[in-house]
Amino acid sequence: MLLQIRDYIRRMRVASNQQIAREFGLDIQALQPMLELWLRKGVIACCQEKSACQSRCFKCKIQPPTYYQCLE
């Protein structure tokens, strides 16, 4: 699963933790340690937030997403 997550971030170029969790059917709390492993190894990095999605679902209001990009 770690490699699949890395490959997904590579393919998307920039992906939020919410996007990745949805793609793999994971809880954000379960995903976080996997993302932290890739962060420590220097494979991915946190990056600037994208502009607001203009959605009216308000899902991001509770916990704003963190965006990641691949460094390789």
PDB file of N, CA and C in Angstrom:
ATOM      1  N   MET A   1       0.821  -1.194   0.000  1.00  0.00           N
ATOM      2  CA  MET A   1       0.000   0.000   0.000  1.00  0.00           C
ATOM      3  C   MET A   1       0.866   1.260   0.000  1.00  0.00           C
ATOM      4  N   LEU A   2       2.013   1.222   0.673  1.00  0.00           N
ATOM      5  CA  LEU A   2       2.896   2.390   0.699  1.00  0.00           C
ATOM      6  C   LEU A   2       3.309   2.806  -0.706  1.00  0.00           C
ATOM      7  N   LEU A   3       3.680   1.834  -1.519  1.00  0.00           N
ATOM      8  CA  LEU A   3       4.100   2.139  -2.888  1.00  0.00           C
ATOM      9  C   LEU A   3       2.933   2.661  -3.719  1.00  0.00           C
ATOM     10  N   GLN A   4       1.755   2.137  -3.480  1.00  0.00           N
ATOM     11  CA  GLN A   4       0.574   2.607  -4.209  1.00  0.00           C
ATOM     12  C   GLN A   4       0.270   4.063  -3.862  1.00  0.00           C
ATOM     13  N   ILE A   5       0.435   4.408  -2.603  1.00  0.00           N
ATOM     14  CA  ILE A   5       0.204   5.792  -2.176  1.00  0.00           C
ATOM     15  C   ILE A   5       1.234   6.712  -2.818  1.00  0.00           C
ATOM     16  N   ARG A   6       2.502   6.304  -2.794  1.00  0.00           N
ATOM     17  CA  ARG A   6       3.559   7.102  -3.429  1.00  0.00           C
ATOM     18  C   ARG A   6       3.271   7.284  -4.918  1.00  0.00           C
ATOM     19  N   ASP A   7       2.917   6.202  -5.592  1.00  0.00           N
ATOM     20  CA  ASP A   7       2.637   6.265  -7.027  1.00  0.00           C
ATOM     21  C   ASP A   7       1.434   7.153  -7.329  1.00  0.00           C
ATOM     22  N   TYR A   8       0.440   7.112  -6.466  1.00  0.00           N
ATOM     23  CA  TYR A   8      -0.743   7.964  -6.648  1.00  0.00           C
ATOM     24  C   TYR A   8      -0.350   9.439  -6.557  1.00  0.00           C
ATOM     25  N   ILE A   9       0.457   9.790  -5.565  1.00  0.00           N
ATOM     26  CA  ILE A   9       0.895  11.184  -5.417  1.00  0.00           C
ATOM     27  C   ILE A   9       1.733  11.588  -6.622  1.00  0.00           C
ATOM     28  N   ARG A  10       2.595  10.703  -7.100  1.00  0.00           N
ATOM     29  CA  ARG A  10       3.383  10.978  -8.313  1.00  0.00           C
ATOM     30  C   ARG A  10       2.473  11.274  -9.497  1.00  0.00           C
ATOM     31  N   ARG A  11       1.490  10.415  -9.676  1.00  0.00           N
ATOM     32  CA  ARG A  11       0.585  10.528 -10.823  1.00  0.00           C
ATOM     33  C   ARG A  11      -0.244  11.822 -10.755  1.00  0.00           C
ATOM     34  N   MET A  12      -0.719  12.157  -9.567  1.00  0.00           N
ATOM     35  CA  MET A  12      -1.567  13.342  -9.403  1.00  0.00           C
ATOM     36  C   MET A  12      -0.747  14.632  -9.325  1.00  0.00           C
ATOM     37  N   ARG A  13       0.538  14.520  -9.035  1.00  0.00           N
ATOM     38  CA  ARG A  13       1.477  15.629  -8.832  1.00  0.00           C
ATOM     39  C   ARG A  13       1.250  16.345  -7.505  1.00  0.00           C
ATOM     40  N   VAL A  14       0.016  16.679  -7.192  1.00  0.00           N
ATOM     41  CA  VAL A  14      -0.345  17.258  -5.893  1.00  0.00           C
ATOM     42  C   VAL A  14      -1.645  16.591  -5.467  1.00  0.00           C
ATOM     43  N   ALA A  15      -1.670  16.109  -4.230  1.00  0.00           N
ATOM     44  CA  ALA A  15      -2.874  15.445  -3.723  1.00  0.00           C
ATOM     45  C   ALA A  15      -3.045  15.773  -2.247  1.00  0.00           C
ATOM     46  N   SER A  16      -4.277  15.934  -1.837  1.00  0.00           N
ATOM     47  CA  SER A  16      -4.555  16.216  -0.423  1.00  0.00           C
ATOM     48  C   SER A  16      -4.695  14.905   0.339  1.00  0.00           C
ATOM     49  N   ASN A  17      -4.548  14.995   1.655  1.00  0.00           N
ATOM     50  CA  ASN A  17      -4.727  13.799   2.479  1.00  0.00           C
ATOM     51  C   ASN A  17      -6.150  13.263   2.342  1.00  0.00           C
ATOM     52  N   GLN A  18      -7.126  14.146   2.170  1.00  0.00           N
ATOM     53  CA  GLN A  18      -8.513  13.714   1.992  1.00  0.00           C
ATOM     54  C   GLN A  18      -8.692  12.969   0.671  1.00  0.00           C
ATOM     55  N   GLN A  19      -8.070  13.474  -0.371  1.00  0.00           N
ATOM     56  CA  GLN A  19      -8.127  12.842  -1.688  1.00  0.00           C
ATOM     57  C   GLN A  19      -7.518  11.444  -1.640  1.00  0.00           C
ATOM     58  N   ILE A  20      -6.351  11.325  -1.014  1.00  0.00           N
ATOM     59  CA  ILE A  20      -5.652  10.041  -0.931  1.00  0.00           C
ATOM     60  C   ILE A  20      -6.463   9.053  -0.097  1.00  0.00           C
ATOM     61  N   ALA A  21      -6.985   9.517   1.025  1.00  0.00           N
ATOM     62  CA  ALA A  21      -7.794   8.649   1.889  1.00  0.00           C
ATOM     63  C   ALA A  21      -9.012   8.123   1.140  1.00  0.00           C
ATOM     64  N   ARG A  22      -9.649   8.988   0.377  1.00  0.00           N
ATOM     65  CA  ARG A  22     -10.819   8.578  -0.412  1.00  0.00           C
ATOM     66  C   ARG A  22     -10.433   7.556  -1.477  1.00  0.00           C
ATOM     67  N   GLU A  23      -9.325   7.803  -2.158  1.00  0.00           N
ATOM     68  CA  GLU A  23      -8.870   6.915  -3.235  1.00  0.00           C
ATOM     69  C   GLU A  23      -8.615   5.496  -2.732  1.00  0.00           C
ATOM     70  N   PHE A  24      -8.037   5.381  -1.533  1.00  0.00           N
ATOM     71  CA  PHE A  24      -7.659   4.067  -1.006  1.00  0.00           C
ATOM     72  C   PHE A  24      -8.630   3.530   0.043  1.00  0.00           C
ATOM     73  N   GLY A  25      -9.710   4.256   0.283  1.00  0.00           N
ATOM     74  CA  GLY A  25     -10.710   3.792   1.241  1.00  0.00           C
ATOM     75  C   GLY A  25     -10.177   3.712   2.657  1.00  0.00           C
ATOM     76  N   LEU A  26      -9.343   4.688   3.020  1.00  0.00           N
ATOM     77  CA  LEU A  26      -8.726   4.712   4.350  1.00  0.00           C
ATOM     78  C   LEU A  26      -9.266   5.869   5.174  1.00  0.00           C
ATOM     79  N   ASP A  27      -9.150   5.722   6.467  1.00  0.00           N
ATOM     80  CA  ASP A  27      -9.417   6.795   7.402  1.00  0.00           C
ATOM     81  C   ASP A  27      -8.181   7.700   7.386  1.00  0.00           C
ATOM     82  N   ILE A  28      -8.353   8.997   7.526  1.00  0.00           N
ATOM     83  CA  ILE A  28      -7.202   9.907   7.504  1.00  0.00           C
ATOM     84  C   ILE A  28      -6.219   9.561   8.621  1.00  0.00           C
ATOM     85  N   GLN A  29      -6.726   9.142   9.781  1.00  0.00           N
ATOM     86  CA  GLN A  29      -5.845   8.770  10.894  1.00  0.00           C
ATOM     87  C   GLN A  29      -5.008   7.538  10.546  1.00  0.00           C
ATOM     88  N   ALA A  30      -5.530   6.631   9.752  1.00  0.00           N
ATOM     89  CA  ALA A  30      -4.778   5.445   9.327  1.00  0.00           C
ATOM     90  C   ALA A  30      -3.777   5.799   8.231  1.00  0.00           C
ATOM     91  N   LEU A  31      -4.108   6.778   7.408  1.00  0.00           N
ATOM     92  CA  LEU A  31      -3.242   7.199   6.311  1.00  0.00           C
ATOM     93  C   LEU A  31      -2.045   7.996   6.798  1.00  0.00           C
ATOM     94  N   GLN A  32      -2.223   8.794   7.831  1.00  0.00           N
ATOM     95  CA  GLN A  32      -1.199   9.737   8.279  1.00  0.00           C
ATOM     96  C   GLN A  32       0.167   9.098   8.546  1.00  0.00           C
ATOM     97  N   PRO A  33       0.264   7.969   9.264  1.00  0.00           N
ATOM     98  CA  PRO A  33       1.593   7.375   9.488  1.00  0.00           C
ATOM     99  C   PRO A  33       2.292   6.970   8.188  1.00  0.00           C
ATOM    100  N   MET A  34       1.526   6.568   7.183  1.00  0.00           N
ATOM    101  CA  MET A  34       2.125   6.196   5.896  1.00  0.00           C
ATOM    102  C   MET A  34       2.676   7.426   5.185  1.00  0.00           C
ATOM    103  N   LEU A  35       1.937   8.527   5.235  1.00  0.00           N
ATOM    104  CA  LEU A  35       2.424   9.766   4.634  1.00  0.00           C
ATOM    105  C   LEU A  35       3.652  10.280   5.376  1.00  0.00           C
ATOM    106  N   GLU A  36       3.651  10.158   6.702  1.00  0.00           N
ATOM    107  CA  GLU A  36       4.796  10.609   7.497  1.00  0.00           C
ATOM    108  C   GLU A  36       6.053   9.812   7.171  1.00  0.00           C
ATOM    109  N   LEU A  37       5.902   8.533   6.871  1.00  0.00           N
ATOM    110  CA  LEU A  37       7.054   7.719   6.479  1.00  0.00           C
ATOM    111  C   LEU A  37       7.676   8.264   5.196  1.00  0.00           C
ATOM    112  N   TRP A  38       6.846   8.558   4.190  1.00  0.00           N
ATOM    113  CA  TRP A  38       7.360   9.106   2.933  1.00  0.00           C
ATOM    114  C   TRP A  38       7.936  10.505   3.140  1.00  0.00           C
ATOM    115  N   LEU A  39       7.358  11.283   4.061  1.00  0.00           N
ATOM    116  CA  LEU A  39       7.912  12.605   4.377  1.00  0.00           C
ATOM    117  C   LEU A  39       9.311  12.474   4.966  1.00  0.00           C
ATOM    118  N   ARG A  40       9.485  11.564   5.929  1.00  0.00           N
ATOM    119  CA  ARG A  40      10.795  11.355   6.567  1.00  0.00           C
ATOM    120  C   ARG A  40      11.846  10.887   5.573  1.00  0.00           C
ATOM    121  N   LYS A  41      11.437  10.076   4.602  1.00  0.00           N
ATOM    122  CA  LYS A  41      12.373   9.561   3.600  1.00  0.00           C
ATOM    123  C   LYS A  41      12.672  10.588   2.508  1.00  0.00           C
ATOM    124  N   GLY A  42      11.964  11.701   2.508  1.00  0.00           N
ATOM    125  CA  GLY A  42      12.199  12.741   1.515  1.00  0.00           C
ATOM    126  C   GLY A  42      11.596  12.445   0.150  1.00  0.00           C
ATOM    127  N   VAL A  43      10.641  11.539   0.112  1.00  0.00           N
ATOM    128  CA  VAL A  43       9.996  11.162  -1.152  1.00  0.00           C
ATOM    129  C   VAL A  43       8.870  12.132  -1.500  1.00  0.00           C
ATOM    130  N   ILE A  44       8.159  12.610  -0.481  1.00  0.00           N
ATOM    131  CA  ILE A  44       7.090  13.590  -0.675  1.00  0.00           C
ATOM    132  C   ILE A  44       7.340  14.771   0.251  1.00  0.00           C
ATOM    133  N   ALA A  45       6.638  15.858  -0.004  1.00  0.00           N
ATOM    134  CA  ALA A  45       6.728  17.037   0.855  1.00  0.00           C
ATOM    135  C   ALA A  45       5.360  17.691   0.924  1.00  0.00           C
ATOM    136  N   CYS A  46       5.123  18.391   2.022  1.00  0.00           N
ATOM    137  CA  CYS A  46       3.904  19.189   2.119  1.00  0.00           C
ATOM    138  C   CYS A  46       4.087  20.384   1.195  1.00  0.00           C
ATOM    139  N   CYS A  47       3.017  20.846   0.630  1.00  0.00           N
ATOM    140  CA  CYS A  47       3.122  21.990  -0.271  1.00  0.00           C
ATOM    141  C   CYS A  47       1.987  22.966  -0.003  1.00  0.00           C
ATOM    142  N   GLN A  48       2.006  24.064  -0.723  1.00  0.00           N
ATOM    143  CA  GLN A  48       0.992  25.108  -0.565  1.00  0.00           C
ATOM    144  C   GLN A  48      -0.396  24.544  -0.804  1.00  0.00           C
ATOM    145  N   GLU A  49      -1.341  25.064  -0.067  1.00  0.00           N
ATOM    146  CA  GLU A  49      -2.731  24.659  -0.276  1.00  0.00           C
ATOM    147  C   GLU A  49      -3.192  25.162  -1.637  1.00  0.00           C
ATOM    148  N   LYS A  50      -4.024  24.367  -2.268  1.00  0.00           N
ATOM    149  CA  LYS A  50      -4.640  24.812  -3.520  1.00  0.00           C
ATOM    150  C   LYS A  50      -5.696  25.850  -3.176  1.00  0.00           C
ATOM    151  N   SER A  51      -6.118  26.585  -4.177  1.00  0.00           N
ATOM    152  CA  SER A  51      -7.183  27.559  -3.929  1.00  0.00           C
ATOM    153  C   SER A  51      -8.464  26.827  -3.553  1.00  0.00           C
ATOM    154  N   ALA A  52      -9.328  27.523  -2.900  1.00  0.00           N
ATOM    155  CA  ALA A  52     -10.577  26.912  -2.423  1.00  0.00           C
ATOM    156  C   ALA A  52     -11.319  26.251  -3.578  1.00  0.00           C
ATOM    157  N   CYS A  53     -11.931  25.131  -3.298  1.00  0.00           N
ATOM    158  CA  CYS A  53     -12.602  24.365  -4.355  1.00  0.00           C
ATOM    159  C   CYS A  53     -13.946  24.971  -4.733  1.00  0.00           C
ATOM    160  N   GLN A  54     -14.403  25.935  -3.986  1.00  0.00           N
ATOM    161  CA  GLN A  54     -15.687  26.586  -4.237  1.00  0.00           C
ATOM    162  C   GLN A  54     -16.870  25.645  -4.021  1.00  0.00           C
ATOM    163  N   SER A  55     -16.642  24.534  -3.364  1.00  0.00           N
ATOM    164  CA  SER A  55     -17.709  23.583  -3.086  1.00  0.00           C
ATOM    165  C   SER A  55     -18.519  24.078  -1.898  1.00  0.00           C
ATOM    166  N   ARG A  56     -19.744  23.675  -1.857  1.00  0.00           N
ATOM    167  CA  ARG A  56     -20.613  24.072  -0.756  1.00  0.00           C
ATOM    168  C   ARG A  56     -20.837  22.925   0.223  1.00  0.00           C
ATOM    169  N   CYS A  57     -19.993  21.902   0.151  1.00  0.00           N
ATOM    170  CA  CYS A  57     -20.212  20.738   1.014  1.00  0.00           C
ATOM    171  C   CYS A  57     -19.717  20.984   2.440  1.00  0.00           C
ATOM    172  N   PHE A  58     -18.804  21.929   2.647  1.00  0.00           N
ATOM    173  CA  PHE A  58     -18.274  22.307   3.955  1.00  0.00           C
ATOM    174  C   PHE A  58     -17.498  21.199   4.656  1.00  0.00           C
ATOM    175  N   LYS A  59     -17.079  20.164   3.941  1.00  0.00           N
ATOM    176  CA  LYS A  59     -16.321  19.078   4.567  1.00  0.00           C
ATOM    177  C   LYS A  59     -14.945  19.545   5.024  1.00  0.00           C
ATOM    178  N   CYS A  60     -14.375  20.520   4.349  1.00  0.00           N
ATOM    179  CA  CYS A  60     -13.035  20.988   4.701  1.00  0.00           C
ATOM    180  C   CYS A  60     -13.042  21.925   5.905  1.00  0.00           C
ATOM    181  N   LYS A  61     -14.183  22.439   6.277  1.00  0.00           N
ATOM    182  CA  LYS A  61     -14.260  23.380   7.393  1.00  0.00           C
ATOM    183  C   LYS A  61     -13.842  22.727   8.708  1.00  0.00           C
ATOM    184  N   ILE A  62     -14.142  21.452   8.862  1.00  0.00           N
ATOM    185  CA  ILE A  62     -13.828  20.753  10.104  1.00  0.00           C
ATOM    186  C   ILE A  62     -12.321  20.588  10.249  1.00  0.00           C
ATOM    187  N   GLN A  63     -11.683  20.056   9.233  1.00  0.00           N
ATOM    188  CA  GLN A  63     -10.233  19.857   9.242  1.00  0.00           C
ATOM    189  C   GLN A  63      -9.728  20.150   7.838  1.00  0.00           C
ATOM    190  N   PRO A  64      -9.046  21.283   7.656  1.00  0.00           N
ATOM    191  CA  PRO A  64      -8.584  21.618   6.309  1.00  0.00           C
ATOM    192  C   PRO A  64      -7.601  20.560   5.799  1.00  0.00           C
ATOM    193  N   PRO A  65      -7.632  20.280   4.508  1.00  0.00           N
ATOM    194  CA  PRO A  65      -6.751  19.252   3.961  1.00  0.00           C
ATOM    195  C   PRO A  65      -5.293  19.696   3.948  1.00  0.00           C
ATOM    196  N   THR A  66      -4.401  18.720   4.007  1.00  0.00           N
ATOM    197  CA  THR A  66      -2.973  18.941   3.848  1.00  0.00           C
ATOM    198  C   THR A  66      -2.612  18.432   2.464  1.00  0.00           C
ATOM    199  N   TYR A  67      -1.845  19.208   1.719  1.00  0.00           N
ATOM    200  CA  TYR A  67      -1.474  18.833   0.358  1.00  0.00           C
ATOM    201  C   TYR A  67      -0.043  18.317   0.317  1.00  0.00           C
ATOM    202  N   TYR A  68       0.157  17.297  -0.508  1.00  0.00           N
ATOM    203  CA  TYR A  68       1.466  16.662  -0.659  1.00  0.00           C
ATOM    204  C   TYR A  68       1.852  16.627  -2.125  1.00  0.00           C
ATOM    205  N   GLN A  69       3.165  16.738  -2.369  1.00  0.00           N
ATOM    206  CA  GLN A  69       3.681  16.585  -3.724  1.00  0.00           C
ATOM    207  C   GLN A  69       4.863  15.631  -3.694  1.00  0.00           C
ATOM    208  N   CYS A  70       5.096  14.969  -4.804  1.00  0.00           N
ATOM    209  CA  CYS A  70       6.192  14.013  -4.902  1.00  0.00           C
ATOM    210  C   CYS A  70       7.469  14.768  -5.251  1.00  0.00           C
ATOM    211  N   LEU A  71       8.578  14.416  -4.617  1.00  0.00           N
ATOM    212  CA  LEU A  71       9.851  15.083  -4.863  1.00  0.00           C
ATOM    213  C   LEU A  71      10.755  14.301  -5.811  1.00  0.00           C
ATOM    214  N   GLU A  72      10.374  13.087  -6.148  1.00  0.00           N
ATOM    215  CA  GLU A  72      11.224  12.259  -7.015  1.00  0.00           C
ATOM    216  C   GLU A  72      10.936  12.514  -8.467  1.00  0.00           C
TER     217      GLU A  72
END
